[in-house]
Structures are given as C-alpha cells and as structure tokens.
Amino acid sequence: MIVTGEIFDFEQIELILNESKNVIEEKETIKTIKKLENQTLVIKTAQLEGIPAEKIKWKSRTGKTYEYVIQENSLGDTDNSITQFKIN
C-alpha cells in the first residue's frame, strides 16, 4: 500500500463468516497504526480463495472512513490490478 499524503487510524482486521446470519463480520484488529504519511506499507497476509479473511480500514484528514477487503480477485491471468483511492 503506497500512502501519498496522510491517513489516520489505519487498521488491519481479521474477518469471519457468521454462518447463522450469512454475513462477513469483523473478528479482531490485527494491527493498528495511528498515522501514515508519504510511505509504503507492506501487508503480510494469506489471500485465500473464497471467503475473504482480512480487510484494511483507515480515515482521511477530514474523518471520512475508507475500507478495502483483501480478497482473491479471479480475473484470469491479470495479476497486476491496482486500486486507487482519492482521499478527501
């Protein structure tokens, strides 16, 4: 994850499947970082097929919350996908 500018309250969160409700829920926070500024963050995780096991969450300077679920993408041979977030 390349951070250009500032983000706050970064969290790496473990997810679980609540089978009785058939929804994915947050289980526990694995890692927290109060502030990241103009740096690269390497996230070590297992990227399983099927149900996602982790997500990342952070806030902008204005307090808006952003989330990204880490999951297998299934786009065939294209393994170089990039997701960009414009932070306000």
Protein backbone atom coordinates (compact mmCIF):
# COMPACT_ATOMS: atom_id res chain seq x y z
CA MET A 1 0.00 0.00 0.00
CA ILE A 2 1.53 3.31 -1.08
CA VAL A 3 0.39 6.27 1.01
CA THR A 4 0.79 9.67 -0.65
CA GLY A 5 -0.16 12.34 1.86
CA GLU A 6 -1.62 11.37 5.23
CA ILE A 7 -4.03 8.74 6.51
CA PHE A 8 -5.05 8.11 10.11
CA ASP A 9 -6.25 5.27 12.35
CA PHE A 10 -5.15 2.51 9.96
CA GLU A 11 -6.39 -0.96 10.97
CA GLN A 12 -5.78 -4.44 9.58
CA ILE A 13 -8.80 -6.50 10.65
CA GLU A 14 -9.48 -10.24 10.66
CA LEU A 15 -12.85 -11.22 9.19
CA ILE A 16 -15.06 -14.24 9.93
CA LEU A 17 -18.20 -15.64 8.38
CA ASN A 18 -21.20 -15.53 10.69
CA GLU A 19 -22.98 -18.57 9.28
CA SER A 20 -26.22 -18.00 11.19
CA LYS A 21 -26.63 -14.53 9.61
CA ASN A 22 -24.74 -15.40 6.40
CA VAL A 23 -22.62 -12.23 6.63
CA ILE A 24 -18.92 -11.47 7.00
CA GLU A 25 -18.10 -9.71 10.29
CA GLU A 26 -15.03 -8.19 11.92
CA LYS A 27 -13.43 -10.62 14.39
CA GLU A 28 -10.45 -8.71 15.74
CA THR A 29 -7.94 -6.00 14.90
CA ILE A 30 -4.58 -7.47 13.93
CA LYS A 31 -2.58 -4.25 13.54
CA THR A 32 -3.18 -0.54 14.17
CA ILE A 33 -1.15 2.47 13.13
CA LYS A 34 -2.17 5.95 14.30
CA LYS A 35 -0.77 7.90 11.32
CA LEU A 36 0.91 7.08 8.00
CA GLU A 37 2.44 9.83 5.89
CA ASN A 38 4.12 9.53 2.47
CA GLN A 39 5.31 5.96 2.90
CA THR A 40 4.85 2.42 1.66
CA LEU A 41 3.19 -0.14 3.93
CA VAL A 42 3.74 -3.85 3.28
CA ILE A 43 0.86 -6.01 4.48
CA LYS A 44 1.64 -9.68 5.11
CA THR A 45 -1.46 -11.83 4.88
CA ALA A 46 -2.80 -15.06 3.41
CA GLN A 47 -5.01 -14.31 0.43
CA LEU A 48 -7.41 -17.23 0.44
CA GLU A 49 -9.79 -18.28 -2.31
CA GLY A 50 -13.42 -17.93 -1.37
CA ILE A 51 -14.47 -16.01 1.71
CA PRO A 52 -12.19 -13.01 2.50
CA ALA A 53 -10.20 -13.29 5.74
CA GLU A 54 -9.00 -9.68 6.23
CA LYS A 55 -9.67 -6.07 5.41
CA ILE A 56 -7.94 -2.75 5.94
CA LYS A 57 -9.63 0.39 7.19
CA TRP A 58 -8.39 3.98 7.60
CA LYS A 59 -9.53 7.61 7.87
CA SER A 60 -8.72 10.74 5.93
CA ARG A 61 -7.77 14.07 7.50
CA THR A 62 -11.47 15.06 7.34
CA GLY A 63 -12.51 11.90 9.23
CA LYS A 64 -14.03 10.01 6.29
CA THR A 65 -13.60 6.23 6.70
CA TYR A 66 -12.32 4.03 3.86
CA GLU A 67 -12.28 0.22 3.74
CA TYR A 68 -10.76 -2.36 1.41
CA VAL A 69 -11.44 -6.10 1.71
CA ILE A 70 -8.37 -8.19 0.85
CA GLN A 71 -9.63 -11.00 -1.37
CA GLU A 72 -8.83 -13.17 -4.35
CA ASN A 73 -9.87 -11.31 -7.50
CA SER A 74 -10.40 -14.11 -10.10
CA LEU A 75 -9.56 -12.01 -13.15
CA GLY A 76 -7.87 -14.80 -15.06
CA ASP A 77 -4.25 -14.10 -15.92
CA THR A 78 -4.25 -10.40 -14.96
CA ASP A 79 -2.49 -10.37 -11.62
CA ASN A 80 -1.39 -6.72 -11.68
CA SER A 81 -4.61 -4.94 -10.72
CA ILE A 82 -4.30 -1.65 -8.83
CA THR A 83 -6.98 0.01 -6.72
CA GLN A 84 -6.57 3.72 -6.04
CA PHE A 85 -8.49 5.78 -3.51
CA LYS A 86 -8.85 9.54 -3.76
CA ILE A 87 -8.79 10.64 -0.13
CA ASN A 88 -10.68 13.79 0.84
